[in-house]
């Protein structure tokens, strides 16, 4: 019945939330690595502001 459907939806939402948090963590890690790479360059023209990400 609807109770089973609701529990299935809640389980799916929990899984999606876990995936979302993992994606955010990966995105943050990649952004930090990119910032470090850009900061390590000596050419000022190669510095890109990615704060909008």
Protein backbone atom coordinates (compact mmCIF):
# COMPACT_ATOMS: atom_id res chain seq x y z
CA UNK A 1 0.00 0.00 0.00
CA UNK A 2 0.90 3.63 0.41
CA UNK A 3 2.92 2.90 3.56
CA UNK A 4 5.31 0.71 1.58
CA UNK A 5 5.58 3.32 -1.15
CA UNK A 6 6.37 6.00 1.42
CA UNK A 7 9.13 3.96 3.04
CA UNK A 8 10.61 3.24 -0.38
CA UNK A 9 10.57 6.95 -1.20
CA UNK A 10 12.26 7.79 2.10
CA UNK A 11 14.96 5.19 1.45
CA UNK A 12 15.54 6.62 -2.02
CA UNK A 13 15.75 10.15 -0.62
CA UNK A 14 18.35 9.02 1.92
CA UNK A 15 20.44 7.44 -0.83
CA UNK A 16 20.18 10.56 -2.99
CA UNK A 17 21.23 12.72 -0.04
CA UNK A 18 24.28 10.52 0.53
CA UNK A 19 25.20 10.77 -3.15
CA UNK A 20 24.70 14.54 -3.09
CA UNK A 21 26.91 15.01 -0.03
CA UNK A 22 29.59 12.85 -1.67
CA UNK A 23 29.39 14.89 -4.88
CA UNK A 24 29.69 18.15 -2.93
CA UNK A 25 32.74 16.79 -1.11
CA UNK A 26 34.38 15.77 -4.39
CA UNK A 27 33.53 19.13 -5.95
CA UNK A 28 35.07 21.00 -3.02
CA UNK A 29 38.21 18.87 -3.18
CA UNK A 30 38.60 19.42 -6.93
CA UNK A 31 38.02 23.17 -6.56
CA UNK A 32 40.69 23.41 -3.85
CA UNK A 33 43.15 21.48 -6.03
CA UNK A 34 42.42 23.77 -8.97
CA UNK A 35 42.92 26.85 -6.80
CA UNK A 36 46.26 25.49 -5.60
CA UNK A 37 47.37 24.82 -9.17
CA UNK A 38 46.37 28.31 -10.24
CA UNK A 39 48.06 29.92 -7.24
CA UNK A 40 51.27 27.99 -7.85
CA UNK A 41 51.67 29.50 -11.30
CA UNK A 42 53.94 32.52 -11.62
CA UNK A 43 52.11 34.15 -14.54
CA UNK A 44 49.53 36.56 -13.07
CA UNK A 45 47.45 36.33 -16.25
CA UNK A 46 46.85 32.63 -15.58
CA UNK A 47 45.15 33.37 -12.26
CA UNK A 48 41.44 32.79 -12.67
CA UNK A 49 38.84 33.76 -10.11
CA UNK A 50 36.65 30.70 -9.57
CA UNK A 51 34.88 31.91 -6.45
CA UNK A 52 31.58 31.87 -8.36
CA UNK A 53 31.68 28.06 -8.52
